[in-house]
Amino acid sequence: MTQYALIKTSTSEVKEIVDGDKRFRTGEPPALNSDKDLHWLTFVKVDPDVDHATQIKTGPVDVVSRSRLTRTWTVRDKTDKELDDIINANVTDRYNHLSPLIDSLNDKSFVVGSEYTTDQIKAILKAKM
């Protein structure tokens, strides 16, 4: 499956990207009149896999040459600071969820050995939120 990009010649603006087999009877685009300021180029997509836990994908960046349009995404490893920020955000989120329970345990809202119903536990925790 070959893809093609319709490019505005004067500005290198990408007008559309199409699948040649589906769009054109012969599978290849027809030649366009040069006075229309449009031409077809082969489209190449460079889209690497990314491990979202440890990497960041940026882009795309389009590069127009005489014969093709190359659209490229770049993958880089997350910095130590970015990884630490993610961990800190997760810790904060978990603490925010556990905070009412921690507060209830610290102020002795729960009595050891008592058999609380689910509704009673929910009511105690809701009061702490």
C-alpha atoms as a PDB file:
ATOM      1  CA  MET A   1       0.000   0.000   0.000  1.00  0.00           C
ATOM      2  CA  THR A   2       1.680   3.165  -1.194  1.00  0.00           C
ATOM      3  CA  GLN A   3       0.516   6.459   0.207  1.00  0.00           C
ATOM      4  CA  TYR A   4       0.742   9.798  -1.534  1.00  0.00           C
ATOM      5  CA  ALA A   5       0.678  13.382  -0.316  1.00  0.00           C
ATOM      6  CA  LEU A   6      -0.854  16.240  -2.249  1.00  0.00           C
ATOM      7  CA  ILE A   7       1.474  19.222  -1.772  1.00  0.00           C
ATOM      8  CA  LYS A   8       0.982  22.888  -2.570  1.00  0.00           C
ATOM      9  CA  THR A   9       4.152  23.586  -4.554  1.00  0.00           C
ATOM     10  CA  SER A  10       4.660  27.225  -3.579  1.00  0.00           C
ATOM     11  CA  THR A  11       4.404  26.678   0.191  1.00  0.00           C
ATOM     12  CA  SER A  12       5.094  22.937   0.691  1.00  0.00           C
ATOM     13  CA  GLU A  13       1.782  22.782   2.536  1.00  0.00           C
ATOM     14  CA  VAL A  14       0.349  19.274   2.851  1.00  0.00           C
ATOM     15  CA  LYS A  15      -3.185  19.330   1.469  1.00  0.00           C
ATOM     16  CA  GLU A  16      -4.048  15.656   1.948  1.00  0.00           C
ATOM     17  CA  ILE A  17      -2.572  12.191   2.308  1.00  0.00           C
ATOM     18  CA  VAL A  18      -4.230   9.306   0.502  1.00  0.00           C
ATOM     19  CA  ASP A  19      -3.856   5.575  -0.034  1.00  0.00           C
ATOM     20  CA  GLY A  20      -2.881   5.176  -3.693  1.00  0.00           C
ATOM     21  CA  ASP A  21      -4.578   1.781  -4.091  1.00  0.00           C
ATOM     22  CA  LYS A  22      -7.908   3.104  -2.863  1.00  0.00           C
ATOM     23  CA  ARG A  23      -7.828   6.564  -4.428  1.00  0.00           C
ATOM     24  CA  PHE A  24      -6.367   5.975  -7.898  1.00  0.00           C
ATOM     25  CA  ARG A  25      -7.457   3.410 -10.449  1.00  0.00           C
ATOM     26  CA  THR A  26      -3.842   2.555 -11.340  1.00  0.00           C
ATOM     27  CA  GLY A  27      -2.618   2.860  -7.750  1.00  0.00           C
ATOM     28  CA  GLU A  28      -0.535   5.898  -8.671  1.00  0.00           C
ATOM     29  CA  PRO A  29      -1.603   9.537  -8.790  1.00  0.00           C
ATOM     30  CA  PRO A  30      -2.001  11.289 -12.114  1.00  0.00           C
ATOM     31  CA  ALA A  31       0.301  14.113 -13.170  1.00  0.00           C
ATOM     32  CA  LEU A  32      -1.175  17.506 -12.334  1.00  0.00           C
ATOM     33  CA  ASN A  33      -0.984  20.699 -14.376  1.00  0.00           C
ATOM     34  CA  SER A  34       1.831  22.869 -13.034  1.00  0.00           C
ATOM     35  CA  ASP A  35      -0.432  25.928 -13.162  1.00  0.00           C
ATOM     36  CA  LYS A  36      -2.528  24.427 -10.325  1.00  0.00           C
ATOM     37  CA  ASP A  37       0.392  24.852  -7.865  1.00  0.00           C
ATOM     38  CA  LEU A  38      -0.135  21.263  -6.668  1.00  0.00           C
ATOM     39  CA  HIS A  39       1.809  18.035  -7.063  1.00  0.00           C
ATOM     40  CA  TRP A  40       1.811  14.510  -5.686  1.00  0.00           C
ATOM     41  CA  LEU A  41       4.690  13.031  -3.677  1.00  0.00           C
ATOM     42  CA  THR A  42       5.238   9.606  -2.216  1.00  0.00           C
ATOM     43  CA  PHE A  43       4.410   9.718   1.502  1.00  0.00           C
ATOM     44  CA  VAL A  44       6.748   8.048   3.994  1.00  0.00           C
ATOM     45  CA  LYS A  45       5.762   7.811   7.649  1.00  0.00           C
ATOM     46  CA  VAL A  46       8.441   7.199  10.294  1.00  0.00           C
ATOM     47  CA  ASP A  47       6.504   6.493  13.479  1.00  0.00           C
ATOM     48  CA  PRO A  48       8.602   4.475  15.958  1.00  0.00           C
ATOM     49  CA  ASP A  49       7.122   2.517  18.836  1.00  0.00           C
ATOM     50  CA  VAL A  50       7.254   4.188  22.227  1.00  0.00           C
ATOM     51  CA  ASP A  51       7.328   2.831  25.771  1.00  0.00           C
ATOM     52  CA  HIS A  52       5.114   5.438  27.443  1.00  0.00           C
ATOM     53  CA  ALA A  53       6.483   4.550  30.877  1.00  0.00           C
ATOM     54  CA  THR A  54      10.050   5.585  30.026  1.00  0.00           C
ATOM     55  CA  GLN A  55       9.908   7.505  26.737  1.00  0.00           C
ATOM     56  CA  ILE A  56       8.295  10.548  25.122  1.00  0.00           C
ATOM     57  CA  LYS A  57       7.263  10.826  21.469  1.00  0.00           C
ATOM     58  CA  THR A  58       7.421  14.248  19.815  1.00  0.00           C
ATOM     59  CA  GLY A  59       6.453  15.444  16.386  1.00  0.00           C
ATOM     60  CA  PRO A  60       5.574  14.969  13.700  1.00  0.00           C
ATOM     61  CA  VAL A  61       7.976  16.936  11.562  1.00  0.00           C
ATOM     62  CA  ASP A  62       7.342  17.032   7.803  1.00  0.00           C
ATOM     63  CA  VAL A  63      10.269  17.152   5.377  1.00  0.00           C
ATOM     64  CA  VAL A  64       9.421  17.744   1.722  1.00  0.00           C
ATOM     65  CA  SER A  65      11.975  16.674  -0.868  1.00  0.00           C
ATOM     66  CA  ARG A  66      11.686  16.528  -4.654  1.00  0.00           C
ATOM     67  CA  SER A  67      10.237  13.027  -4.670  1.00  0.00           C
ATOM     68  CA  ARG A  68       8.615  12.474  -1.289  1.00  0.00           C
ATOM     69  CA  LEU A  69       7.146  13.809   1.913  1.00  0.00           C
ATOM     70  CA  THR A  70       8.639  12.236   5.030  1.00  0.00           C
ATOM     71  CA  ARG A  71       6.665  12.649   8.260  1.00  0.00           C
ATOM     72  CA  THR A  72       8.800  11.747  11.256  1.00  0.00           C
ATOM     73  CA  TRP A  73       8.132  11.367  14.965  1.00  0.00           C
ATOM     74  CA  THR A  74      11.042  11.288  17.392  1.00  0.00           C
ATOM     75  CA  VAL A  75      11.263   9.178  20.539  1.00  0.00           C
ATOM     76  CA  ARG A  76      13.487  10.119  23.453  1.00  0.00           C
ATOM     77  CA  ASP A  77      14.014   8.732  26.926  1.00  0.00           C
ATOM     78  CA  LYS A  78      12.369  10.602  29.776  1.00  0.00           C
ATOM     79  CA  THR A  79      14.794  12.518  31.964  1.00  0.00           C
ATOM     80  CA  ASP A  80      15.356  11.562  35.594  1.00  0.00           C
ATOM     81  CA  LYS A  81      13.388  14.663  36.594  1.00  0.00           C
ATOM     82  CA  GLU A  82      10.425  13.686  34.395  1.00  0.00           C
ATOM     83  CA  LEU A  83      10.426  10.175  35.865  1.00  0.00           C
ATOM     84  CA  ASP A  84      10.652  11.584  39.420  1.00  0.00           C
ATOM     85  CA  ASP A  85       7.776  13.982  38.684  1.00  0.00           C
ATOM     86  CA  ILE A  86       5.598  11.059  37.554  1.00  0.00           C
ATOM     87  CA  ILE A  87       6.410   9.072  40.682  1.00  0.00           C
ATOM     88  CA  ASN A  88       5.743  12.090  42.912  1.00  0.00           C
ATOM     89  CA  ALA A  89       2.402  12.721  41.191  1.00  0.00           C
ATOM     90  CA  ASN A  90       1.413   9.067  41.741  1.00  0.00           C
ATOM     91  CA  VAL A  91       2.423   9.222  45.414  1.00  0.00           C
ATOM     92  CA  THR A  92       0.436  12.440  45.899  1.00  0.00           C
ATOM     93  CA  ASP A  93      -2.608  10.931  44.162  1.00  0.00           C
ATOM     94  CA  ARG A  94      -2.475   7.791  46.320  1.00  0.00           C
ATOM     95  CA  TYR A  95      -2.004   9.833  49.480  1.00  0.00           C
ATOM     96  CA  ASN A  96      -5.017  11.980  48.573  1.00  0.00           C
ATOM     97  CA  HIS A  97      -7.114   8.820  48.263  1.00  0.00           C
ATOM     98  CA  LEU A  98      -5.821   7.378  51.537  1.00  0.00           C
ATOM     99  CA  SER A  99      -5.789  10.636  53.509  1.00  0.00           C
ATOM    100  CA  PRO A 100      -9.339  10.294  54.932  1.00  0.00           C
ATOM    101  CA  LEU A 101      -8.559   6.773  56.131  1.00  0.00           C
ATOM    102  CA  ILE A 102      -5.253   7.862  57.660  1.00  0.00           C
ATOM    103  CA  ASP A 103      -6.980  10.795  59.400  1.00  0.00           C
ATOM    104  CA  SER A 104      -9.703   8.495  60.733  1.00  0.00           C
ATOM    105  CA  LEU A 105      -7.156   6.034  62.102  1.00  0.00           C
ATOM    106  CA  ASN A 106      -5.103   8.812  63.699  1.00  0.00           C
ATOM    107  CA  ASP A 107      -8.044  10.503  65.434  1.00  0.00           C
ATOM    108  CA  LYS A 108      -9.385   7.132  66.635  1.00  0.00           C
ATOM    109  CA  SER A 109     -12.640   7.373  64.687  1.00  0.00           C
ATOM    110  CA  PHE A 110     -12.322   3.614  64.283  1.00  0.00           C
ATOM    111  CA  VAL A 111     -12.290   1.529  67.450  1.00  0.00           C
ATOM    112  CA  VAL A 112     -10.158  -1.611  67.324  1.00  0.00           C
ATOM    113  CA  GLY A 113     -12.279  -4.752  67.543  1.00  0.00           C
ATOM    114  CA  SER A 114     -15.498  -3.059  66.406  1.00  0.00           C
ATOM    115  CA  GLU A 115     -17.387  -4.659  63.571  1.00  0.00           C
ATOM    116  CA  TYR A 116     -18.329  -1.752  61.323  1.00  0.00           C
ATOM    117  CA  THR A 117     -20.711  -2.163  58.438  1.00  0.00           C
ATOM    118  CA  THR A 118     -19.705  -0.921  55.022  1.00  0.00           C
ATOM    119  CA  ASP A 119     -22.131   1.992  55.362  1.00  0.00           C
ATOM    120  CA  GLN A 120     -20.654   2.978  58.727  1.00  0.00           C
ATOM    121  CA  ILE A 121     -17.116   2.936  57.310  1.00  0.00           C
ATOM    122  CA  LYS A 122     -18.226   5.001  54.330  1.00  0.00           C
ATOM    123  CA  ALA A 123     -19.939   7.537  56.624  1.00  0.00           C
ATOM    124  CA  ILE A 124     -16.812   7.934  58.795  1.00  0.00           C
ATOM    125  CA  LEU A 125     -14.562   8.370  55.754  1.00  0.00           C
ATOM    126  CA  LYS A 126     -17.003  10.745  54.049  1.00  0.00           C
ATOM    127  CA  ALA A 127     -16.978  12.983  57.124  1.00  0.00           C
ATOM    128  CA  LYS A 128     -13.186  13.294  56.764  1.00  0.00           C
ATOM    129  CA  MET A 129     -13.297  14.451  53.130  1.00  0.00           C
END
